[in-house]
Amino acid sequence: MLLLDEIAGGLTEAETHELIDEIRQVKASGITVIWIEHVMHALLAVADRLLVINFGSKIAEGAPATVLENAEVRRVYLGLEA
C-alpha cells in the first residue's frame, strides 16, 4: 500500500504528468494507492474510486463520475451550485 498526501501541490504541469505516470505504474504493479489530493485533474487521471470527507464526515463515495455529480461535493469542494 502506498499512502500519498497532497503530492501534486506546487508541481508544474509537466511534473504533474510525470507524477500521474508514476502512480499509474505503481497501481499497475498491484500496489493499492490511497491518495489525498486537491489537484483534481491529477487525481481523476488515476483514481478508480473516490471518498470525499468534509470536516470528518463522509459526504460521497464511489466512481469518480458519480461522486463529482454529488450536490454536496460540488458545493463544498468545487464551489459550484448543485
PDB file of N, CA and C in Angstrom:
ATOM      1  N   MET A   1       0.844  -1.165   0.000  1.00  0.00           N
ATOM      2  CA  MET A   1       0.000   0.000   0.000  1.00  0.00           C
ATOM      3  C   MET A   1       0.896   1.236   0.000  1.00  0.00           C
ATOM      4  N   LEU A   2       0.493   2.220  -0.802  1.00  0.00           N
ATOM      5  CA  LEU A   2       1.188   3.499  -0.878  1.00  0.00           C
ATOM      6  C   LEU A   2       0.223   4.593  -0.462  1.00  0.00           C
ATOM      7  N   LEU A   3       0.605   5.377   0.540  1.00  0.00           N
ATOM      8  CA  LEU A   3      -0.209   6.495   1.007  1.00  0.00           C
ATOM      9  C   LEU A   3       0.419   7.790   0.524  1.00  0.00           C
ATOM     10  N   LEU A   4      -0.371   8.626  -0.137  1.00  0.00           N
ATOM     11  CA  LEU A   4       0.121   9.891  -0.684  1.00  0.00           C
ATOM     12  C   LEU A   4      -0.748  11.028  -0.158  1.00  0.00           C
ATOM     13  N   ASP A   5      -0.121  12.143   0.214  1.00  0.00           N
ATOM     14  CA  ASP A   5      -0.867  13.268   0.767  1.00  0.00           C
ATOM     15  C   ASP A   5      -0.450  14.559   0.077  1.00  0.00           C
ATOM     16  N   GLU A   6      -1.341  15.063  -0.777  1.00  0.00           N
ATOM     17  CA  GLU A   6      -1.160  16.362  -1.439  1.00  0.00           C
ATOM     18  C   GLU A   6       0.181  16.483  -2.175  1.00  0.00           C
ATOM     19  N   ILE A   7       0.566  15.452  -2.882  1.00  0.00           N
ATOM     20  CA  ILE A   7       1.880  15.467  -3.526  1.00  0.00           C
ATOM     21  C   ILE A   7       1.911  16.225  -4.846  1.00  0.00           C
ATOM     22  N   ALA A   8       0.761  16.549  -5.410  1.00  0.00           N
ATOM     23  CA  ALA A   8       0.744  17.284  -6.676  1.00  0.00           C
ATOM     24  C   ALA A   8       0.776  18.799  -6.464  1.00  0.00           C
ATOM     25  N   GLY A   9       0.537  19.238  -5.251  1.00  0.00           N
ATOM     26  CA  GLY A   9       0.536  20.674  -4.970  1.00  0.00           C
ATOM     27  C   GLY A   9       1.883  21.300  -5.277  1.00  0.00           C
ATOM     28  N   GLY A  10       1.883  22.368  -6.056  1.00  0.00           N
ATOM     29  CA  GLY A  10       3.108  23.083  -6.380  1.00  0.00           C
ATOM     30  C   GLY A  10       3.885  22.542  -7.557  1.00  0.00           C
ATOM     31  N   LEU A  11       3.433  21.443  -8.137  1.00  0.00           N
ATOM     32  CA  LEU A  11       4.133  20.895  -9.295  1.00  0.00           C
ATOM     33  C   LEU A  11       3.753  21.655 -10.559  1.00  0.00           C
ATOM     34  N   THR A  12       4.678  21.685 -11.507  1.00  0.00           N
ATOM     35  CA  THR A  12       4.354  22.237 -12.816  1.00  0.00           C
ATOM     36  C   THR A  12       3.453  21.234 -13.538  1.00  0.00           C
ATOM     37  N   GLU A  13       2.873  21.649 -14.638  1.00  0.00           N
ATOM     38  CA  GLU A  13       2.014  20.743 -15.404  1.00  0.00           C
ATOM     39  C   GLU A  13       2.817  19.536 -15.902  1.00  0.00           C
ATOM     40  N   ALA A  14       4.028  19.763 -16.356  1.00  0.00           N
ATOM     41  CA  ALA A  14       4.876  18.654 -16.830  1.00  0.00           C
ATOM     42  C   ALA A  14       5.197  17.695 -15.682  1.00  0.00           C
ATOM     43  N   GLU A  15       5.508  18.232 -14.526  1.00  0.00           N
ATOM     44  CA  GLU A  15       5.801  17.391 -13.361  1.00  0.00           C
ATOM     45  C   GLU A  15       4.565  16.608 -12.932  1.00  0.00           C
ATOM     46  N   THR A  16       3.403  17.235 -13.035  1.00  0.00           N
ATOM     47  CA  THR A  16       2.156  16.556 -12.683  1.00  0.00           C
ATOM     48  C   THR A  16       1.905  15.379 -13.607  1.00  0.00           C
ATOM     49  N   HIS A  17       2.176  15.549 -14.888  1.00  0.00           N
ATOM     50  CA  HIS A  17       2.005  14.438 -15.833  1.00  0.00           C
ATOM     51  C   HIS A  17       2.980  13.303 -15.524  1.00  0.00           C
ATOM     52  N   GLU A  18       4.198  13.635 -15.141  1.00  0.00           N
ATOM     53  CA  GLU A  18       5.172  12.607 -14.748  1.00  0.00           C
ATOM     54  C   GLU A  18       4.691  11.880 -13.497  1.00  0.00           C
ATOM     55  N   LEU A  19       4.160  12.627 -12.552  1.00  0.00           N
ATOM     56  CA  LEU A  19       3.633  12.033 -11.328  1.00  0.00           C
ATOM     57  C   LEU A  19       2.497  11.060 -11.638  1.00  0.00           C
ATOM     58  N   ILE A  20       1.581  11.482 -12.488  1.00  0.00           N
ATOM     59  CA  ILE A  20       0.460  10.625 -12.882  1.00  0.00           C
ATOM     60  C   ILE A  20       0.977   9.333 -13.496  1.00  0.00           C
ATOM     61  N   ASP A  21       1.957   9.436 -14.374  1.00  0.00           N
ATOM     62  CA  ASP A  21       2.537   8.239 -14.998  1.00  0.00           C
ATOM     63  C   ASP A  21       3.151   7.307 -13.949  1.00  0.00           C
ATOM     64  N   GLU A  22       3.864   7.885 -12.984  1.00  0.00           N
ATOM     65  CA  GLU A  22       4.483   7.081 -11.927  1.00  0.00           C
ATOM     66  C   GLU A  22       3.429   6.362 -11.085  1.00  0.00           C
ATOM     67  N   ILE A  23       2.376   7.073 -10.717  1.00  0.00           N
ATOM     68  CA  ILE A  23       1.331   6.466  -9.891  1.00  0.00           C
ATOM     69  C   ILE A  23       0.598   5.380 -10.670  1.00  0.00           C
ATOM     70  N   ARG A  24       0.376   5.597 -11.948  1.00  0.00           N
ATOM     71  CA  ARG A  24      -0.248   4.554 -12.779  1.00  0.00           C
ATOM     72  C   ARG A  24       0.619   3.295 -12.800  1.00  0.00           C
ATOM     73  N   GLN A  25       1.925   3.460 -12.887  1.00  0.00           N
ATOM     74  CA  GLN A  25       2.827   2.307 -12.882  1.00  0.00           C
ATOM     75  C   GLN A  25       2.768   1.563 -11.548  1.00  0.00           C
ATOM     76  N   VAL A  26       2.711   2.316 -10.469  1.00  0.00           N
ATOM     77  CA  VAL A  26       2.603   1.695  -9.147  1.00  0.00           C
ATOM     78  C   VAL A  26       1.315   0.885  -9.057  1.00  0.00           C
ATOM     79  N   LYS A  27       0.192   1.484  -9.483  1.00  0.00           N
ATOM     80  CA  LYS A  27      -1.089   0.776  -9.467  1.00  0.00           C
ATOM     81  C   LYS A  27      -1.045  -0.477 -10.336  1.00  0.00           C
ATOM     82  N   ALA A  28      -0.441  -0.353 -11.508  1.00  0.00           N
ATOM     83  CA  ALA A  28      -0.375  -1.483 -12.441  1.00  0.00           C
ATOM     84  C   ALA A  28       0.425  -2.648 -11.860  1.00  0.00           C
ATOM     85  N   SER A  29       1.322  -2.343 -10.944  1.00  0.00           N
ATOM     86  CA  SER A  29       2.127  -3.403 -10.324  1.00  0.00           C
ATOM     87  C   SER A  29       1.365  -4.131  -9.223  1.00  0.00           C
ATOM     88  N   GLY A  30       0.144  -3.677  -8.947  1.00  0.00           N
ATOM     89  CA  GLY A  30      -0.682  -4.345  -7.960  1.00  0.00           C
ATOM     90  C   GLY A  30      -0.693  -3.694  -6.585  1.00  0.00           C
ATOM     91  N   ILE A  31      -0.037  -2.577  -6.444  1.00  0.00           N
ATOM     92  CA  ILE A  31       0.003  -1.873  -5.164  1.00  0.00           C
ATOM     93  C   ILE A  31      -1.221  -0.973  -5.039  1.00  0.00           C
ATOM     94  N   THR A  32      -1.876  -1.046  -3.892  1.00  0.00           N
ATOM     95  CA  THR A  32      -3.011  -0.170  -3.614  1.00  0.00           C
ATOM     96  C   THR A  32      -2.490   1.225  -3.302  1.00  0.00           C
ATOM     97  N   VAL A  33      -3.130   2.244  -3.890  1.00  0.00           N
ATOM     98  CA  VAL A  33      -2.728   3.631  -3.672  1.00  0.00           C
ATOM     99  C   VAL A  33      -3.885   4.370  -3.005  1.00  0.00           C
ATOM    100  N   ILE A  34      -3.589   4.998  -1.873  1.00  0.00           N
ATOM    101  CA  ILE A  34      -4.540   5.890  -1.210  1.00  0.00           C
ATOM    102  C   ILE A  34      -3.945   7.283  -1.328  1.00  0.00           C
ATOM    103  N   TRP A  35      -4.674   8.169  -2.005  1.00  0.00           N
ATOM    104  CA  TRP A  35      -4.124   9.478  -2.358  1.00  0.00           C
ATOM    105  C   TRP A  35      -5.071  10.581  -1.915  1.00  0.00           C
ATOM    106  N   ILE A  36      -4.605  11.408  -1.006  1.00  0.00           N
ATOM    107  CA  ILE A  36      -5.329  12.605  -0.581  1.00  0.00           C
ATOM    108  C   ILE A  36      -4.830  13.730  -1.473  1.00  0.00           C
ATOM    109  N   GLU A  37      -5.752  14.387  -2.197  1.00  0.00           N
ATOM    110  CA  GLU A  37      -5.301  15.370  -3.181  1.00  0.00           C
ATOM    111  C   GLU A  37      -6.408  16.364  -3.507  1.00  0.00           C
ATOM    112  N   HIS A  38      -6.009  17.617  -3.709  1.00  0.00           N
ATOM    113  CA  HIS A  38      -6.933  18.649  -4.160  1.00  0.00           C
ATOM    114  C   HIS A  38      -6.673  19.071  -5.604  1.00  0.00           C
ATOM    115  N   VAL A  39      -5.614  18.579  -6.211  1.00  0.00           N
ATOM    116  CA  VAL A  39      -5.371  18.836  -7.630  1.00  0.00           C
ATOM    117  C   VAL A  39      -6.202  17.793  -8.387  1.00  0.00           C
ATOM    118  N   MET A  40      -7.432  18.213  -8.684  1.00  0.00           N
ATOM    119  CA  MET A  40      -8.437  17.266  -9.161  1.00  0.00           C
ATOM    120  C   MET A  40      -8.068  16.585 -10.476  1.00  0.00           C
ATOM    121  N   HIS A  41      -7.503  17.324 -11.426  1.00  0.00           N
ATOM    122  CA  HIS A  41      -7.223  16.677 -12.719  1.00  0.00           C
ATOM    123  C   HIS A  41      -6.182  15.566 -12.567  1.00  0.00           C
ATOM    124  N   ALA A  42      -5.256  15.716 -11.639  1.00  0.00           N
ATOM    125  CA  ALA A  42      -4.269  14.661 -11.402  1.00  0.00           C
ATOM    126  C   ALA A  42      -4.936  13.455 -10.754  1.00  0.00           C
ATOM    127  N   LEU A  43      -5.709  13.706  -9.740  1.00  0.00           N
ATOM    128  CA  LEU A  43      -6.390  12.628  -9.029  1.00  0.00           C
ATOM    129  C   LEU A  43      -7.328  11.864  -9.954  1.00  0.00           C
ATOM    130  N   LEU A  44      -8.099  12.588 -10.746  1.00  0.00           N
ATOM    131  CA  LEU A  44      -9.065  11.943 -11.634  1.00  0.00           C
ATOM    132  C   LEU A  44      -8.407  11.163 -12.766  1.00  0.00           C
ATOM    133  N   ALA A  45      -7.173  11.509 -13.088  1.00  0.00           N
ATOM    134  CA  ALA A  45      -6.454  10.768 -14.126  1.00  0.00           C
ATOM    135  C   ALA A  45      -6.053   9.376 -13.652  1.00  0.00           C
ATOM    136  N   VAL A  46      -6.099   9.150 -12.348  1.00  0.00           N
ATOM    137  CA  VAL A  46      -5.616   7.899 -11.777  1.00  0.00           C
ATOM    138  C   VAL A  46      -6.689   7.134 -11.009  1.00  0.00           C
ATOM    139  N   ALA A  47      -7.568   7.838 -10.334  1.00  0.00           N
ATOM    140  CA  ALA A  47      -8.480   7.213  -9.370  1.00  0.00           C
ATOM    141  C   ALA A  47      -9.554   6.348 -10.013  1.00  0.00           C
ATOM    142  N   ASP A  48      -9.799   5.196  -9.399  1.00  0.00           N
ATOM    143  CA  ASP A  48     -10.902   4.323  -9.772  1.00  0.00           C
ATOM    144  C   ASP A  48     -12.099   4.571  -8.867  1.00  0.00           C
ATOM    145  N   ARG A  49     -11.817   5.110  -7.689  1.00  0.00           N
ATOM    146  CA  ARG A  49     -12.845   5.293  -6.668  1.00  0.00           C
ATOM    147  C   ARG A  49     -12.464   6.497  -5.816  1.00  0.00           C
ATOM    148  N   LEU A  50     -13.455   7.300  -5.432  1.00  0.00           N
ATOM    149  CA  LEU A  50     -13.227   8.464  -4.584  1.00  0.00           C
ATOM    150  C   LEU A  50     -14.010   8.331  -3.285  1.00  0.00           C
ATOM    151  N   LEU A  51     -13.427   8.861  -2.227  1.00  0.00           N
ATOM    152  CA  LEU A  51     -14.092   9.010  -0.945  1.00  0.00           C
ATOM    153  C   LEU A  51     -13.901  10.465  -0.559  1.00  0.00           C
ATOM    154  N   VAL A  52     -15.002  11.190  -0.388  1.00  0.00           N
ATOM    155  CA  VAL A  52     -14.935  12.622  -0.101  1.00  0.00           C
ATOM    156  C   VAL A  52     -15.386  12.843   1.334  1.00  0.00           C
ATOM    157  N   ILE A  53     -14.533  13.535   2.100  1.00  0.00           N
ATOM    158  CA  ILE A  53     -14.801  13.806   3.506  1.00  0.00           C
ATOM    159  C   ILE A  53     -14.819  15.310   3.710  1.00  0.00           C
ATOM    160  N   ASN A  54     -15.775  15.774   4.495  1.00  0.00           N
ATOM    161  CA  ASN A  54     -15.874  17.190   4.839  1.00  0.00           C
ATOM    162  C   ASN A  54     -15.985  17.288   6.361  1.00  0.00           C
ATOM    163  N   PHE A  55     -15.002  17.914   6.993  1.00  0.00           N
ATOM    164  CA  PHE A  55     -14.964  18.044   8.456  1.00  0.00           C
ATOM    165  C   PHE A  55     -15.179  16.707   9.153  1.00  0.00           C
ATOM    166  N   GLY A  56     -14.501  15.664   8.641  1.00  0.00           N
ATOM    167  CA  GLY A  56     -14.534  14.354   9.274  1.00  0.00           C
ATOM    168  C   GLY A  56     -15.727  13.483   8.944  1.00  0.00           C
ATOM    169  N   SER A  57     -16.651  13.977   8.158  1.00  0.00           N
ATOM    170  CA  SER A  57     -17.827  13.192   7.780  1.00  0.00           C
ATOM    171  C   SER A  57     -17.794  12.862   6.296  1.00  0.00           C
ATOM    172  N   LYS A  58     -18.078  11.594   5.987  1.00  0.00           N
ATOM    173  CA  LYS A  58     -18.127  11.172   4.584  1.00  0.00           C
ATOM    174  C   LYS A  58     -19.343  11.797   3.920  1.00  0.00           C
ATOM    175  N   ILE A  59     -19.107  12.447   2.769  1.00  0.00           N
ATOM    176  CA  ILE A  59     -20.232  13.024   2.036  1.00  0.00           C
ATOM    177  C   ILE A  59     -20.484  12.309   0.710  1.00  0.00           C
ATOM    178  N   ALA A  60     -19.512  11.550   0.230  1.00  0.00           N
ATOM    179  CA  ALA A  60     -19.716  10.800  -1.015  1.00  0.00           C
ATOM    180  C   ALA A  60     -18.640   9.735  -1.152  1.00  0.00           C
ATOM    181  N   GLU A  61     -18.997   8.660  -1.849  1.00  0.00           N
ATOM    182  CA  GLU A  61     -18.049   7.586  -2.121  1.00  0.00           C
ATOM    183  C   GLU A  61     -18.502   6.842  -3.355  1.00  0.00           C
ATOM    184  N   GLY A  62     -17.539   6.477  -4.212  1.00  0.00           N
ATOM    185  CA  GLY A  62     -17.877   5.675  -5.379  1.00  0.00           C
ATOM    186  C   GLY A  62     -17.037   6.031  -6.585  1.00  0.00           C
ATOM    187  N   ALA A  63     -17.573   5.721  -7.744  1.00  0.00           N
ATOM    188  CA  ALA A  63     -16.889   6.008  -9.006  1.00  0.00           C
ATOM    189  C   ALA A  63     -16.714   7.522  -9.150  1.00  0.00           C
ATOM    190  N   PRO A  64     -15.573   7.975  -9.682  1.00  0.00           N
ATOM    191  CA  PRO A  64     -15.327   9.412  -9.797  1.00  0.00           C
ATOM    192  C   PRO A  64     -16.455  10.193 -10.464  1.00  0.00           C
ATOM    193  N   ALA A  65     -16.975   9.711 -11.566  1.00  0.00           N
ATOM    194  CA  ALA A  65     -18.028  10.444 -12.275  1.00  0.00           C
ATOM    195  C   ALA A  65     -19.268  10.610 -11.398  1.00  0.00           C
ATOM    196  N   THR A  66     -19.607   9.574 -10.666  1.00  0.00           N
ATOM    197  CA  THR A  66     -20.769   9.625  -9.782  1.00  0.00           C
ATOM    198  C   THR A  66     -20.536  10.594  -8.626  1.00  0.00           C
ATOM    199  N   VAL A  67     -19.375  10.514  -8.019  1.00  0.00           N
ATOM    200  CA  VAL A  67     -19.050  11.384  -6.887  1.00  0.00           C
ATOM    201  C   VAL A  67     -19.047  12.851  -7.312  1.00  0.00           C
ATOM    202  N   LEU A  68     -18.511  13.138  -8.479  1.00  0.00           N
ATOM    203  CA  LEU A  68     -18.449  14.523  -8.943  1.00  0.00           C
ATOM    204  C   LEU A  68     -19.823  15.095  -9.283  1.00  0.00           C
ATOM    205  N   GLU A  69     -20.821  14.243  -9.438  1.00  0.00           N
ATOM    206  CA  GLU A  69     -22.190  14.706  -9.664  1.00  0.00           C
ATOM    207  C   GLU A  69     -22.922  15.004  -8.362  1.00  0.00           C
ATOM    208  N   ASN A  70     -22.356  14.584  -7.240  1.00  0.00           N
ATOM    209  CA  ASN A  70     -22.983  14.777  -5.937  1.00  0.00           C
ATOM    210  C   ASN A  70     -23.085  16.265  -5.605  1.00  0.00           C
ATOM    211  N   ALA A  71     -24.272  16.716  -5.243  1.00  0.00           N
ATOM    212  CA  ALA A  71     -24.517  18.137  -4.998  1.00  0.00           C
ATOM    213  C   ALA A  71     -23.639  18.695  -3.881  1.00  0.00           C
ATOM    214  N   GLU A  72     -23.466  17.936  -2.803  1.00  0.00           N
ATOM    215  CA  GLU A  72     -22.651  18.432  -1.693  1.00  0.00           C
ATOM    216  C   GLU A  72     -21.173  18.499  -2.071  1.00  0.00           C
ATOM    217  N   VAL A  73     -20.692  17.536  -2.814  1.00  0.00           N
ATOM    218  CA  VAL A  73     -19.301  17.562  -3.289  1.00  0.00           C
ATOM    219  C   VAL A  73     -19.093  18.782  -4.182  1.00  0.00           C
ATOM    220  N   ARG A  74     -20.014  19.015  -5.081  1.00  0.00           N
ATOM    221  CA  ARG A  74     -19.902  20.154  -5.993  1.00  0.00           C
ATOM    222  C   ARG A  74     -19.875  21.472  -5.227  1.00  0.00           C
ATOM    223  N   ARG A  75     -20.685  21.569  -4.200  1.00  0.00           N
ATOM    224  CA  ARG A  75     -20.747  22.798  -3.409  1.00  0.00           C
ATOM    225  C   ARG A  75     -19.504  22.969  -2.531  1.00  0.00           C
ATOM    226  N   VAL A  76     -19.140  21.928  -1.790  1.00  0.00           N
ATOM    227  CA  VAL A  76     -18.060  22.022  -0.801  1.00  0.00           C
ATOM    228  C   VAL A  76     -16.683  22.071  -1.449  1.00  0.00           C
ATOM    229  N   TYR A  77     -16.416  21.193  -2.408  1.00  0.00           N
ATOM    230  CA  TYR A  77     -15.067  21.083  -2.955  1.00  0.00           C
ATOM    231  C   TYR A  77     -14.851  21.799  -4.277  1.00  0.00           C
ATOM    232  N   LEU A  78     -15.893  21.938  -5.042  1.00  0.00           N
ATOM    233  CA  LEU A  78     -15.734  22.543  -6.357  1.00  0.00           C
ATOM    234  C   LEU A  78     -16.268  23.964  -6.415  1.00  0.00           C
ATOM    235  N   GLY A  79     -16.965  24.390  -5.353  1.00  0.00           N
ATOM    236  CA  GLY A  79     -17.513  25.735  -5.304  1.00  0.00           C
ATOM    237  C   GLY A  79     -18.605  25.982  -6.328  1.00  0.00           C
ATOM    238  N   LEU A  80     -19.297  24.917  -6.711  1.00  0.00           N
ATOM    239  CA  LEU A  80     -20.347  25.015  -7.728  1.00  0.00           C
ATOM    240  C   LEU A  80     -21.709  24.800  -7.101  1.00  0.00           C
ATOM    241  N   GLU A  81     -22.707  25.440  -7.654  1.00  0.00           N
ATOM    242  CA  GLU A  81     -24.074  25.171  -7.219  1.00  0.00           C
ATOM    243  C   GLU A  81     -24.525  23.842  -7.777  1.00  0.00           C
ATOM    244  N   ALA A  82     -25.336  23.163  -7.025  1.00  0.00           N
ATOM    245  CA  ALA A  82     -25.840  21.849  -7.448  1.00  0.00           C
ATOM    246  C   ALA A  82     -26.641  22.008  -8.707  1.00  0.00           C
TER     247      ALA A  82
END
